[in-house]
Amino acid sequence: MSQYLIREIEAAPNIEVRYRTEVTGGGDGRLEQLSLRHRDTGETETAPADGLFVLIGAQPFTDWLPEAVRRDQWGFILTGPDLAERRTLQREPYLLETSTPGVFAAGDVRHGSVKRVASAVGDGSIAIRPVHDYLA
């Protein structure tokens, strides 16, 4: 998240940031309250809520991928022109293609992404073309 946004959120008296907290339930048909579970203690609580914003993508959680899918020092997946070394193929990697031919990455998990929903959706729609090119 951008530093200016962090400062704005911290200064807002009507916003409460909860870390290490899972949302386990909400309202019935509309958001009026949240059921919360604290990860560290397992303690649960119900809190009134008019809005909920979930921030994901700051940590890539890509450890489950095989080493053949190259990542940067923070674990974000390298794709297309961001791949430092060229593969032993007769071609350059397609846009959004990883270091493993035929495996593509889109959205926040990709190195160099701007970490915005609209951009992640755009990556997903853009990936369709290189996938078709690869399959052809």
N, C-alpha and C. Protein backbone atom coordinates (compact mmCIF):
# COMPACT_ATOMS: atom_id res chain seq x y z
N MET A 1 0.85 -1.16 0.00
CA MET A 1 0.00 0.00 0.00
C MET A 1 0.90 1.23 0.00
N SER A 2 0.47 2.26 -0.65
CA SER A 2 1.23 3.50 -0.73
C SER A 2 1.33 4.16 0.64
N GLN A 3 2.49 4.77 0.91
CA GLN A 3 2.72 5.39 2.22
C GLN A 3 1.71 6.50 2.51
N TYR A 4 1.36 7.29 1.49
CA TYR A 4 0.39 8.37 1.73
C TYR A 4 -0.96 7.80 2.17
N LEU A 5 -1.36 6.65 1.62
CA LEU A 5 -2.62 6.04 2.00
C LEU A 5 -2.57 5.48 3.41
N ILE A 6 -1.44 4.92 3.78
CA ILE A 6 -1.25 4.42 5.14
C ILE A 6 -1.42 5.56 6.14
N ARG A 7 -0.80 6.71 5.86
CA ARG A 7 -0.92 7.87 6.76
C ARG A 7 -2.36 8.34 6.87
N GLU A 8 -3.07 8.38 5.75
CA GLU A 8 -4.47 8.82 5.75
C GLU A 8 -5.35 7.88 6.58
N ILE A 9 -5.13 6.59 6.41
CA ILE A 9 -5.93 5.60 7.15
C ILE A 9 -5.64 5.69 8.64
N GLU A 10 -4.35 5.79 9.00
CA GLU A 10 -3.99 5.88 10.42
C GLU A 10 -4.56 7.13 11.07
N ALA A 11 -4.72 8.21 10.31
CA ALA A 11 -5.24 9.47 10.85
C ALA A 11 -6.76 9.52 10.90
N ALA A 12 -7.44 8.62 10.21
CA ALA A 12 -8.90 8.64 10.16
C ALA A 12 -9.48 8.07 11.45
N PRO A 13 -10.29 8.86 12.18
CA PRO A 13 -10.83 8.38 13.45
C PRO A 13 -11.91 7.29 13.29
N ASN A 14 -12.47 7.15 12.11
CA ASN A 14 -13.55 6.17 11.91
C ASN A 14 -13.07 4.89 11.22
N ILE A 15 -11.76 4.70 11.14
CA ILE A 15 -11.20 3.48 10.54
C ILE A 15 -10.35 2.76 11.57
N GLU A 16 -10.59 1.46 11.70
CA GLU A 16 -9.77 0.63 12.59
C GLU A 16 -9.10 -0.45 11.75
N VAL A 17 -7.79 -0.47 11.79
CA VAL A 17 -7.01 -1.48 11.06
C VAL A 17 -6.78 -2.65 11.99
N ARG A 18 -7.10 -3.85 11.52
CA ARG A 18 -6.91 -5.07 12.32
C ARG A 18 -5.89 -5.95 11.62
N TYR A 19 -4.81 -6.25 12.30
CA TYR A 19 -3.80 -7.15 11.76
C TYR A 19 -4.02 -8.54 12.35
N ARG A 20 -3.61 -9.56 11.61
CA ARG A 20 -3.66 -10.95 12.07
C ARG A 20 -5.06 -11.31 12.57
N THR A 21 -6.05 -10.83 11.84
CA THR A 21 -7.45 -11.06 12.19
C THR A 21 -8.17 -11.62 10.97
N GLU A 22 -8.93 -12.68 11.18
CA GLU A 22 -9.69 -13.30 10.10
C GLU A 22 -11.16 -12.93 10.23
N VAL A 23 -11.79 -12.62 9.10
CA VAL A 23 -13.23 -12.41 9.09
C VAL A 23 -13.87 -13.78 8.92
N THR A 24 -14.69 -14.18 9.86
CA THR A 24 -15.32 -15.50 9.80
C THR A 24 -16.80 -15.43 9.49
N GLY A 25 -17.35 -14.21 9.45
CA GLY A 25 -18.76 -14.06 9.14
C GLY A 25 -19.12 -12.59 9.02
N GLY A 26 -20.30 -12.34 8.46
CA GLY A 26 -20.75 -10.97 8.28
C GLY A 26 -22.24 -10.86 8.55
N GLY A 27 -22.83 -9.86 7.98
CA GLY A 27 -24.26 -9.64 8.16
C GLY A 27 -25.08 -10.62 7.35
N ASP A 28 -26.38 -10.48 7.48
CA ASP A 28 -27.31 -11.35 6.76
C ASP A 28 -27.92 -10.57 5.60
N GLY A 29 -27.34 -10.70 4.41
CA GLY A 29 -27.84 -9.99 3.25
C GLY A 29 -27.17 -8.65 3.02
N ARG A 30 -26.66 -8.03 4.07
CA ARG A 30 -25.91 -6.79 3.95
C ARG A 30 -24.96 -6.68 5.13
N LEU A 31 -23.92 -5.91 4.95
CA LEU A 31 -22.89 -5.81 5.99
C LEU A 31 -23.33 -4.87 7.10
N GLU A 32 -23.49 -5.42 8.29
CA GLU A 32 -23.81 -4.63 9.48
C GLU A 32 -22.81 -4.90 10.60
N GLN A 33 -22.25 -6.11 10.58
CA GLN A 33 -21.28 -6.50 11.60
C GLN A 33 -20.36 -7.56 11.02
N LEU A 34 -19.26 -7.76 11.70
CA LEU A 34 -18.29 -8.78 11.30
C LEU A 34 -18.02 -9.70 12.47
N SER A 35 -17.92 -10.98 12.19
CA SER A 35 -17.43 -11.95 13.16
C SER A 35 -15.94 -12.08 12.89
N LEU A 36 -15.14 -11.89 13.93
CA LEU A 36 -13.68 -11.86 13.78
C LEU A 36 -13.02 -12.90 14.66
N ARG A 37 -11.90 -13.44 14.17
CA ARG A 37 -11.09 -14.37 14.97
C ARG A 37 -9.65 -13.88 14.92
N HIS A 38 -9.07 -13.70 16.10
CA HIS A 38 -7.69 -13.25 16.20
C HIS A 38 -6.78 -14.46 16.02
N ARG A 39 -5.91 -14.40 15.04
CA ARG A 39 -5.05 -15.55 14.72
C ARG A 39 -4.12 -15.94 15.85
N ASP A 40 -3.60 -14.98 16.58
CA ASP A 40 -2.62 -15.30 17.62
C ASP A 40 -3.24 -15.98 18.84
N THR A 41 -4.46 -15.57 19.20
CA THR A 41 -5.07 -16.08 20.43
C THR A 41 -6.24 -17.02 20.18
N GLY A 42 -6.82 -16.97 18.97
CA GLY A 42 -8.01 -17.76 18.68
C GLY A 42 -9.28 -17.13 19.22
N GLU A 43 -9.13 -16.03 19.93
CA GLU A 43 -10.26 -15.31 20.50
C GLU A 43 -11.16 -14.78 19.38
N THR A 44 -12.48 -14.82 19.61
CA THR A 44 -13.43 -14.33 18.62
C THR A 44 -14.22 -13.15 19.19
N GLU A 45 -14.74 -12.34 18.30
CA GLU A 45 -15.55 -11.20 18.70
C GLU A 45 -16.45 -10.80 17.53
N THR A 46 -17.46 -10.04 17.85
CA THR A 46 -18.34 -9.45 16.84
C THR A 46 -18.16 -7.94 16.91
N ALA A 47 -17.97 -7.32 15.75
CA ALA A 47 -17.75 -5.87 15.71
C ALA A 47 -18.70 -5.25 14.69
N PRO A 48 -19.29 -4.09 15.04
CA PRO A 48 -20.13 -3.40 14.06
C PRO A 48 -19.27 -2.96 12.88
N ALA A 49 -19.84 -2.99 11.67
CA ALA A 49 -19.07 -2.62 10.48
C ALA A 49 -19.98 -2.10 9.38
N ASP A 50 -19.57 -1.00 8.78
CA ASP A 50 -20.24 -0.45 7.61
C ASP A 50 -19.47 -0.75 6.34
N GLY A 51 -18.22 -1.14 6.50
CA GLY A 51 -17.38 -1.42 5.34
C GLY A 51 -16.25 -2.35 5.72
N LEU A 52 -15.73 -3.04 4.73
CA LEU A 52 -14.62 -3.97 4.93
C LEU A 52 -13.71 -3.89 3.71
N PHE A 53 -12.44 -3.66 3.94
CA PHE A 53 -11.46 -3.61 2.87
C PHE A 53 -10.40 -4.65 3.16
N VAL A 54 -10.18 -5.54 2.24
CA VAL A 54 -9.20 -6.60 2.40
C VAL A 54 -8.02 -6.29 1.51
N LEU A 55 -6.85 -6.19 2.10
CA LEU A 55 -5.64 -5.89 1.35
C LEU A 55 -4.85 -7.18 1.17
N ILE A 56 -4.77 -7.63 -0.06
CA ILE A 56 -4.00 -8.83 -0.37
C ILE A 56 -3.00 -8.48 -1.45
N GLY A 57 -2.01 -9.31 -1.60
CA GLY A 57 -1.05 -9.09 -2.66
C GLY A 57 0.27 -8.52 -2.18
N ALA A 58 0.32 -8.03 -0.97
CA ALA A 58 1.57 -7.46 -0.47
C ALA A 58 2.62 -8.54 -0.25
N GLN A 59 2.18 -9.74 0.07
CA GLN A 59 3.07 -10.89 0.18
C GLN A 59 2.62 -11.90 -0.87
N PRO A 60 3.55 -12.38 -1.68
CA PRO A 60 3.13 -13.23 -2.80
C PRO A 60 2.77 -14.68 -2.45
N PHE A 61 3.24 -15.24 -1.37
CA PHE A 61 2.94 -16.63 -0.99
C PHE A 61 3.14 -17.59 -2.18
N THR A 62 4.33 -17.57 -2.73
CA THR A 62 4.64 -18.41 -3.90
C THR A 62 5.60 -19.55 -3.58
N ASP A 63 5.84 -19.81 -2.31
CA ASP A 63 6.78 -20.86 -1.92
C ASP A 63 6.37 -22.24 -2.42
N TRP A 64 5.08 -22.45 -2.68
CA TRP A 64 4.58 -23.74 -3.13
C TRP A 64 4.98 -24.05 -4.58
N LEU A 65 5.39 -23.03 -5.32
CA LEU A 65 5.75 -23.23 -6.74
C LEU A 65 7.10 -23.94 -6.85
N PRO A 66 7.28 -24.70 -7.91
CA PRO A 66 8.59 -25.33 -8.11
C PRO A 66 9.66 -24.27 -8.40
N GLU A 67 10.92 -24.60 -8.13
CA GLU A 67 12.02 -23.66 -8.36
C GLU A 67 12.13 -23.23 -9.82
N ALA A 68 11.61 -24.04 -10.73
CA ALA A 68 11.68 -23.71 -12.15
C ALA A 68 10.91 -22.43 -12.49
N VAL A 69 9.95 -22.07 -11.66
CA VAL A 69 9.23 -20.80 -11.84
C VAL A 69 10.02 -19.75 -11.07
N ARG A 70 10.78 -18.95 -11.83
CA ARG A 70 11.69 -17.98 -11.21
C ARG A 70 10.94 -16.84 -10.52
N ARG A 71 11.48 -16.42 -9.38
CA ARG A 71 10.89 -15.34 -8.60
C ARG A 71 11.97 -14.32 -8.24
N ASP A 72 11.53 -13.11 -7.91
CA ASP A 72 12.49 -12.11 -7.45
C ASP A 72 12.81 -12.35 -5.98
N GLN A 73 13.60 -11.49 -5.38
CA GLN A 73 14.06 -11.68 -3.99
C GLN A 73 12.93 -11.65 -2.98
N TRP A 74 11.76 -11.10 -3.36
CA TRP A 74 10.62 -11.04 -2.44
C TRP A 74 9.61 -12.15 -2.71
N GLY A 75 9.85 -12.96 -3.76
CA GLY A 75 8.96 -14.07 -4.06
C GLY A 75 7.95 -13.79 -5.16
N PHE A 76 7.99 -12.59 -5.76
CA PHE A 76 7.08 -12.29 -6.86
C PHE A 76 7.59 -12.96 -8.14
N ILE A 77 6.68 -13.44 -8.95
CA ILE A 77 7.01 -14.24 -10.12
C ILE A 77 7.51 -13.36 -11.27
N LEU A 78 8.64 -13.74 -11.83
CA LEU A 78 9.19 -13.04 -12.98
C LEU A 78 8.49 -13.53 -14.25
N THR A 79 8.11 -12.59 -15.10
CA THR A 79 7.42 -12.93 -16.34
C THR A 79 7.98 -12.14 -17.51
N GLY A 80 7.78 -12.68 -18.71
CA GLY A 80 8.11 -11.99 -19.95
C GLY A 80 9.46 -11.32 -19.93
N PRO A 81 9.50 -10.03 -20.26
CA PRO A 81 10.80 -9.33 -20.35
C PRO A 81 11.51 -9.16 -19.01
N ASP A 82 10.85 -9.42 -17.90
CA ASP A 82 11.50 -9.30 -16.59
C ASP A 82 12.41 -10.47 -16.26
N LEU A 83 12.35 -11.51 -17.09
CA LEU A 83 13.23 -12.66 -16.86
C LEU A 83 14.65 -12.26 -17.23
N ALA A 84 15.56 -12.31 -16.25
CA ALA A 84 16.93 -11.84 -16.47
C ALA A 84 17.66 -12.69 -17.51
N GLU A 85 17.59 -13.98 -17.34
CA GLU A 85 18.28 -14.86 -18.28
C GLU A 85 17.29 -15.34 -19.34
N ARG A 86 17.79 -15.54 -20.51
CA ARG A 86 16.92 -16.03 -21.58
C ARG A 86 16.90 -17.55 -21.50
N ARG A 87 15.78 -18.09 -21.81
CA ARG A 87 15.64 -19.54 -21.76
C ARG A 87 16.27 -20.16 -23.01
N THR A 88 16.33 -21.45 -23.01
CA THR A 88 16.95 -22.16 -24.13
C THR A 88 15.94 -22.48 -25.22
N LEU A 89 14.92 -21.64 -25.35
CA LEU A 89 13.94 -21.81 -26.41
C LEU A 89 14.37 -21.04 -27.64
N GLN A 90 13.71 -21.29 -28.73
CA GLN A 90 13.97 -20.57 -29.97
C GLN A 90 13.26 -19.21 -29.98
N ARG A 91 12.63 -18.85 -28.88
CA ARG A 91 11.86 -17.60 -28.84
C ARG A 91 12.01 -16.93 -27.48
N GLU A 92 11.66 -15.65 -27.44
CA GLU A 92 11.59 -14.92 -26.18
C GLU A 92 10.33 -15.36 -25.44
N PRO A 93 10.30 -15.23 -24.12
CA PRO A 93 9.07 -15.60 -23.40
C PRO A 93 7.93 -14.65 -23.78
N TYR A 94 6.74 -15.19 -23.83
CA TYR A 94 5.57 -14.36 -24.08
C TYR A 94 5.33 -13.43 -22.90
N LEU A 95 4.61 -12.35 -23.17
CA LEU A 95 4.20 -11.45 -22.10
C LEU A 95 3.44 -12.25 -21.05
N LEU A 96 3.77 -12.10 -19.79
CA LEU A 96 3.16 -12.78 -18.65
C LEU A 96 3.53 -14.26 -18.55
N GLU A 97 4.38 -14.76 -19.42
CA GLU A 97 4.85 -16.14 -19.32
C GLU A 97 6.01 -16.20 -18.32
N THR A 98 6.02 -17.21 -17.50
CA THR A 98 7.07 -17.37 -16.50
C THR A 98 8.29 -18.03 -17.12
N SER A 99 9.26 -18.34 -16.29
CA SER A 99 10.46 -19.04 -16.75
C SER A 99 10.17 -20.48 -17.14
N THR A 100 9.00 -20.97 -16.81
CA THR A 100 8.57 -22.30 -17.24
C THR A 100 7.63 -22.12 -18.43
N PRO A 101 8.05 -22.58 -19.61
CA PRO A 101 7.22 -22.39 -20.81
C PRO A 101 5.80 -22.90 -20.61
N GLY A 102 4.83 -22.07 -21.01
CA GLY A 102 3.43 -22.45 -20.91
C GLY A 102 2.78 -22.15 -19.57
N VAL A 103 3.56 -21.64 -18.61
CA VAL A 103 3.02 -21.25 -17.31
C VAL A 103 3.02 -19.73 -17.26
N PHE A 104 1.85 -19.15 -17.03
CA PHE A 104 1.68 -17.70 -17.05
C PHE A 104 1.29 -17.21 -15.66
N ALA A 105 1.63 -15.97 -15.35
CA ALA A 105 1.26 -15.35 -14.07
C ALA A 105 0.61 -14.01 -14.35
N ALA A 106 -0.41 -13.69 -13.56
CA ALA A 106 -1.12 -12.43 -13.71
C ALA A 106 -1.48 -11.88 -12.35
N GLY A 107 -1.60 -10.58 -12.25
CA GLY A 107 -2.05 -9.94 -11.03
C GLY A 107 -0.93 -9.62 -10.06
N ASP A 108 -1.30 -9.47 -8.80
CA ASP A 108 -0.38 -9.01 -7.76
C ASP A 108 0.82 -9.92 -7.56
N VAL A 109 0.71 -11.18 -7.90
CA VAL A 109 1.78 -12.13 -7.67
C VAL A 109 2.95 -11.92 -8.65
N ARG A 110 2.71 -11.14 -9.68
CA ARG A 110 3.70 -10.92 -10.73
C ARG A 110 4.66 -9.79 -10.35
N HIS A 111 5.95 -10.01 -10.55
CA HIS A 111 6.97 -8.98 -10.33
C HIS A 111 6.64 -7.75 -11.19
N GLY A 112 6.67 -6.59 -10.57
CA GLY A 112 6.45 -5.36 -11.32
C GLY A 112 4.99 -4.95 -11.44
N SER A 113 4.07 -5.73 -10.90
CA SER A 113 2.66 -5.34 -10.98
C SER A 113 2.44 -4.13 -10.09
N VAL A 114 1.38 -3.38 -10.37
CA VAL A 114 1.13 -2.16 -9.60
C VAL A 114 0.25 -2.40 -8.38
N LYS A 115 -0.14 -3.63 -8.12
CA LYS A 115 -0.90 -4.02 -6.93
C LYS A 115 -2.23 -3.27 -6.83
N ARG A 116 -2.97 -3.26 -7.91
CA ARG A 116 -4.30 -2.66 -7.95
C ARG A 116 -5.25 -3.66 -8.59
N VAL A 117 -6.49 -3.70 -8.12
CA VAL A 117 -7.47 -4.66 -8.62
C VAL A 117 -7.66 -4.51 -10.13
N ALA A 118 -7.84 -3.29 -10.59
CA ALA A 118 -8.08 -3.07 -12.02
C ALA A 118 -6.92 -3.59 -12.86
N SER A 119 -5.71 -3.39 -12.37
CA SER A 119 -4.54 -3.87 -13.10
C SER A 119 -4.48 -5.39 -13.11
N ALA A 120 -4.81 -6.02 -11.98
CA ALA A 120 -4.81 -7.48 -11.91
C ALA A 120 -5.85 -8.07 -12.85
N VAL A 121 -7.02 -7.46 -12.91
CA VAL A 121 -8.05 -7.91 -13.84
C VAL A 121 -7.56 -7.75 -15.27
N GLY A 122 -6.91 -6.63 -15.54
CA GLY A 122 -6.35 -6.40 -16.86
C GLY A 122 -5.31 -7.45 -17.24
N ASP A 123 -4.43 -7.79 -16.28
CA ASP A 123 -3.44 -8.86 -16.53
C ASP A 123 -4.14 -10.15 -16.92
N GLY A 124 -5.20 -10.49 -16.20
CA GLY A 124 -5.92 -11.73 -16.50
C GLY A 124 -6.48 -11.72 -17.91
N SER A 125 -7.03 -10.59 -18.33
CA SER A 125 -7.59 -10.53 -19.68
C SER A 125 -6.49 -10.49 -20.74
N ILE A 126 -5.37 -9.86 -20.43
CA ILE A 126 -4.24 -9.81 -21.37
C ILE A 126 -3.62 -11.19 -21.53
N ALA A 127 -3.60 -11.99 -20.46
CA ALA A 127 -2.95 -13.30 -20.51
C ALA A 127 -3.60 -14.24 -21.52
N ILE A 128 -4.83 -13.99 -21.85
CA ILE A 128 -5.53 -14.88 -22.79
C ILE A 128 -4.81 -14.96 -24.13
N ARG A 129 -4.38 -13.82 -24.65
CA ARG A 129 -3.71 -13.81 -25.96
C ARG A 129 -2.41 -14.62 -25.98
N PRO A 130 -1.47 -14.40 -25.05
CA PRO A 130 -0.24 -15.20 -25.10
C PRO A 130 -0.50 -16.70 -24.82
N VAL A 131 -1.51 -17.01 -24.03
CA VAL A 131 -1.85 -18.43 -23.82
C VAL A 131 -2.29 -19.05 -25.15
N HIS A 132 -3.12 -18.35 -25.89
CA HIS A 132 -3.52 -18.86 -27.22
C HIS A 132 -2.31 -18.97 -28.15
N ASP A 133 -1.41 -17.98 -28.10
CA ASP A 133 -0.21 -18.05 -28.94
C ASP A 133 0.63 -19.26 -28.56
N TYR A 134 0.78 -19.51 -27.28
CA TYR A 134 1.56 -20.66 -26.82
C TYR A 134 0.93 -21.97 -27.28
N LEU A 135 -0.38 -22.07 -27.14
CA LEU A 135 -1.08 -23.30 -27.53
C LEU A 135 -1.06 -23.53 -29.04
N ALA A 136 -0.97 -22.43 -29.78
CA ALA A 136 -0.94 -22.57 -31.25
C ALA A 136 0.39 -23.13 -31.68
